[in-house]
Amino acid sequence: MGVTRLKRKDRKNKTTSRLEVQFLKLATNLEPGSRSAEKKGNQIAINNAALLKAAAAK
């Protein structure tokens, strides 16, 4: 059996829905929670502590 081609409106709907899903995935906001919270020993925290220490030493 041959591959059936989609009619123009169905092709448009397929593309539109795919792009919509992609847009929604990209547009999700990071909310404060377990996944977006910074870890305690994370590099930014370590760097900030080192900078504070260096500033205090001057």
Protein backbone atom coordinates (compact mmCIF):
# COMPACT_ATOMS: atom_id res chain seq x y z
CA MET A 1 0.00 0.00 0.00
CA GLY A 2 1.32 3.40 -0.94
CA VAL A 3 1.93 6.25 1.45
CA THR A 4 -1.05 8.59 1.52
CA ARG A 5 -0.33 12.30 1.28
CA LEU A 6 -1.98 14.67 3.68
CA LYS A 7 -4.31 17.30 2.32
CA ARG A 8 -3.05 20.89 2.57
CA LYS A 9 -5.08 21.79 5.69
CA ASP A 10 -3.90 18.65 7.47
CA ARG A 11 -0.27 19.39 6.60
CA LYS A 12 -0.76 22.91 7.97
CA ASN A 13 -2.35 21.60 11.18
CA LYS A 14 0.45 19.08 11.68
CA THR A 15 3.13 21.76 11.31
CA THR A 16 1.24 24.31 13.41
CA SER A 17 0.64 21.91 16.28
CA ARG A 18 4.29 20.78 16.25
CA LEU A 19 5.51 24.39 16.38
CA GLU A 20 2.99 25.22 19.09
CA VAL A 21 4.23 22.38 21.28
CA GLN A 22 7.83 23.46 20.72
CA PHE A 23 6.95 27.06 21.64
CA LEU A 24 5.17 25.96 24.81
CA LYS A 25 8.13 23.81 25.83
CA LEU A 26 10.48 26.77 25.39
CA ALA A 27 8.14 29.20 27.15
CA THR A 28 7.76 27.29 30.40
CA ASN A 29 8.75 29.42 33.36
CA LEU A 30 11.14 28.05 35.94
CA GLU A 31 9.32 28.10 39.21
CA PRO A 32 11.08 27.90 42.54
CA GLY A 33 11.12 24.24 43.39
CA SER A 34 13.30 21.19 43.67
CA ARG A 35 14.41 21.24 40.01
CA SER A 36 15.27 24.92 39.63
CA ALA A 37 16.67 25.58 43.11
CA GLU A 38 20.40 26.10 43.31
CA LYS A 39 22.34 23.45 45.14
CA LYS A 40 24.15 24.36 48.34
CA GLY A 41 27.68 23.59 47.06
CA ASN A 42 27.14 24.99 43.60
CA GLN A 43 29.97 26.80 41.82
CA ILE A 44 28.27 30.23 41.87
CA ALA A 45 27.89 30.05 45.65
CA ILE A 46 31.54 29.02 46.03
CA ASN A 47 32.68 31.89 43.76
CA ASN A 48 30.59 34.43 45.67
CA ALA A 49 32.05 33.25 48.98
CA ALA A 50 35.59 33.56 47.57
CA LEU A 51 34.88 37.07 46.27
CA LEU A 52 33.49 38.15 49.64
CA LYS A 53 36.55 36.71 51.37
CA ALA A 54 38.90 38.55 48.98
CA ALA A 55 37.00 41.82 49.44
CA ALA A 56 37.17 41.46 53.25
CA ALA A 57 40.91 40.81 53.14
CA LYS A 58 41.64 44.15 51.44
